[in-house]
Amino acid sequence: MSAKTGDPVTIHWFRKGLRLHDNPGLLRSLSLSKGGGKIYPVYIVDGNCYQLRKCSVNRAKFLLECVQDLDNSLRQCGSRLYVAS
């Protein structure tokens, strides 16, 4: 379903806080999308980021699990997470 002309379209860029429950900007965007608007939650993986290049395998696995959990939570709200690199 695409947003009609005049319906709000929002992009929410996740940088560090990969949670729904304490993210007022995202919660507002989700509420607008239920009224006919469209939301595009985005997470960008930067392979050149110092923290990512120098992190342990366990830290990288934790990050992947957090991104997957966020996508699952967004799908329960009728959206999904768009991941780019």
C-alpha atoms as a PDB file:
ATOM      1  CA  MET A   1       0.000   0.000   0.000  1.00  0.00           C
ATOM      2  CA  SER A   2       1.412   3.377  -0.938  1.00  0.00           C
ATOM      3  CA  ALA A   3       0.711   6.649   0.835  1.00  0.00           C
ATOM      4  CA  LYS A   4      -1.877   8.896  -0.781  1.00  0.00           C
ATOM      5  CA  THR A   5      -1.075  12.477  -1.714  1.00  0.00           C
ATOM      6  CA  GLY A   6      -1.101  14.502   1.488  1.00  0.00           C
ATOM      7  CA  ASP A   7      -0.493  11.505   3.763  1.00  0.00           C
ATOM      8  CA  PRO A   8       2.631  11.836   5.916  1.00  0.00           C
ATOM      9  CA  VAL A   9       5.775  10.012   4.810  1.00  0.00           C
ATOM     10  CA  THR A  10       8.543   9.689   7.392  1.00  0.00           C
ATOM     11  CA  ILE A  11      12.056   8.277   7.405  1.00  0.00           C
ATOM     12  CA  HIS A  12      13.494   7.224  10.744  1.00  0.00           C
ATOM     13  CA  TRP A  13      17.250   6.708  10.750  1.00  0.00           C
ATOM     14  CA  PHE A  14      18.453   4.371  13.490  1.00  0.00           C
ATOM     15  CA  ARG A  15      22.001   5.148  14.547  1.00  0.00           C
ATOM     16  CA  LYS A  16      22.581   3.812  18.057  1.00  0.00           C
ATOM     17  CA  GLY A  17      19.310   3.252  19.908  1.00  0.00           C
ATOM     18  CA  LEU A  18      17.888   0.126  18.280  1.00  0.00           C
ATOM     19  CA  ARG A  19      14.759   0.023  20.446  1.00  0.00           C
ATOM     20  CA  LEU A  20      11.101   0.905  19.986  1.00  0.00           C
ATOM     21  CA  HIS A  21       9.796   1.394  23.512  1.00  0.00           C
ATOM     22  CA  ASP A  22      11.819   4.500  24.425  1.00  0.00           C
ATOM     23  CA  ASN A  23      12.025   6.148  21.008  1.00  0.00           C
ATOM     24  CA  PRO A  24       9.396   8.926  20.893  1.00  0.00           C
ATOM     25  CA  GLY A  25      10.227  10.025  17.338  1.00  0.00           C
ATOM     26  CA  LEU A  26       9.783   6.535  15.980  1.00  0.00           C
ATOM     27  CA  LEU A  27       6.598   5.943  17.978  1.00  0.00           C
ATOM     28  CA  ARG A  28       5.140   9.159  16.538  1.00  0.00           C
ATOM     29  CA  SER A  29       6.074   8.081  13.010  1.00  0.00           C
ATOM     30  CA  LEU A  30       4.449   4.681  13.579  1.00  0.00           C
ATOM     31  CA  SER A  31       1.257   6.334  14.803  1.00  0.00           C
ATOM     32  CA  LEU A  32       1.167   8.539  11.680  1.00  0.00           C
ATOM     33  CA  SER A  33       1.633   5.495   9.457  1.00  0.00           C
ATOM     34  CA  LYS A  34      -1.444   3.831  10.980  1.00  0.00           C
ATOM     35  CA  GLY A  35      -3.531   6.760   9.699  1.00  0.00           C
ATOM     36  CA  GLY A  36      -2.530   6.102   6.089  1.00  0.00           C
ATOM     37  CA  GLY A  37       0.987   7.513   6.080  1.00  0.00           C
ATOM     38  CA  LYS A  38       4.158   5.621   5.254  1.00  0.00           C
ATOM     39  CA  ILE A  39       7.245   5.095   7.405  1.00  0.00           C
ATOM     40  CA  TYR A  40      10.671   3.958   6.263  1.00  0.00           C
ATOM     41  CA  PRO A  41      12.792   2.882   9.267  1.00  0.00           C
ATOM     42  CA  VAL A  42      16.421   2.699   8.094  1.00  0.00           C
ATOM     43  CA  TYR A  43      19.631   1.330   9.602  1.00  0.00           C
ATOM     44  CA  ILE A  44      22.895   1.916   7.745  1.00  0.00           C
ATOM     45  CA  VAL A  45      25.807  -0.450   8.314  1.00  0.00           C
ATOM     46  CA  ASP A  46      29.037   1.442   7.800  1.00  0.00           C
ATOM     47  CA  GLY A  47      31.803  -1.088   7.195  1.00  0.00           C
ATOM     48  CA  ASN A  48      34.402   1.642   7.583  1.00  0.00           C
ATOM     49  CA  CYS A  49      33.169   2.608  11.031  1.00  0.00           C
ATOM     50  CA  TYR A  50      35.959   2.228  13.573  1.00  0.00           C
ATOM     51  CA  GLN A  51      33.688   0.550  16.124  1.00  0.00           C
ATOM     52  CA  LEU A  52      32.564  -2.062  13.605  1.00  0.00           C
ATOM     53  CA  ARG A  53      36.017  -2.803  12.171  1.00  0.00           C
ATOM     54  CA  LYS A  54      37.590  -3.202  15.604  1.00  0.00           C
ATOM     55  CA  CYS A  55      34.783  -5.030  17.410  1.00  0.00           C
ATOM     56  CA  SER A  56      34.889  -8.620  18.577  1.00  0.00           C
ATOM     57  CA  VAL A  57      32.936 -11.428  16.951  1.00  0.00           C
ATOM     58  CA  ASN A  58      30.571 -11.455  19.939  1.00  0.00           C
ATOM     59  CA  ARG A  59      29.908  -7.716  19.602  1.00  0.00           C
ATOM     60  CA  ALA A  60      29.212  -8.061  15.870  1.00  0.00           C
ATOM     61  CA  LYS A  61      26.848 -10.974  16.571  1.00  0.00           C
ATOM     62  CA  PHE A  62      25.054  -8.912  19.237  1.00  0.00           C
ATOM     63  CA  LEU A  63      24.601  -6.038  16.775  1.00  0.00           C
ATOM     64  CA  LEU A  64      23.154  -8.410  14.169  1.00  0.00           C
ATOM     65  CA  GLU A  65      20.747  -9.865  16.742  1.00  0.00           C
ATOM     66  CA  CYS A  66      19.648  -6.349  17.757  1.00  0.00           C
ATOM     67  CA  VAL A  67      18.955  -5.407  14.127  1.00  0.00           C
ATOM     68  CA  GLN A  68      16.978  -8.632  13.586  1.00  0.00           C
ATOM     69  CA  ASP A  69      14.983  -8.038  16.778  1.00  0.00           C
ATOM     70  CA  LEU A  70      14.241  -4.465  15.708  1.00  0.00           C
ATOM     71  CA  ASP A  71      13.005  -5.692  12.323  1.00  0.00           C
ATOM     72  CA  ASN A  72      10.758  -8.274  14.019  1.00  0.00           C
ATOM     73  CA  SER A  73       9.332  -5.608  16.346  1.00  0.00           C
ATOM     74  CA  LEU A  74       8.678  -3.251  13.442  1.00  0.00           C
ATOM     75  CA  ARG A  75       6.940  -6.027  11.498  1.00  0.00           C
ATOM     76  CA  GLN A  76       4.580  -6.517  14.462  1.00  0.00           C
ATOM     77  CA  CYS A  77       3.731  -2.799  14.086  1.00  0.00           C
ATOM     78  CA  GLY A  78       3.025  -3.196  10.352  1.00  0.00           C
ATOM     79  CA  SER A  79       6.370  -1.899   9.094  1.00  0.00           C
ATOM     80  CA  ARG A  80       9.848  -3.304   8.506  1.00  0.00           C
ATOM     81  CA  LEU A  81      13.489  -2.257   8.824  1.00  0.00           C
ATOM     82  CA  TYR A  82      15.420  -1.244   5.729  1.00  0.00           C
ATOM     83  CA  VAL A  83      19.138  -2.010   6.077  1.00  0.00           C
ATOM     84  CA  ALA A  84      21.724  -0.450   3.792  1.00  0.00           C
ATOM     85  CA  SER A  85      25.496  -0.536   3.645  1.00  0.00           C
END
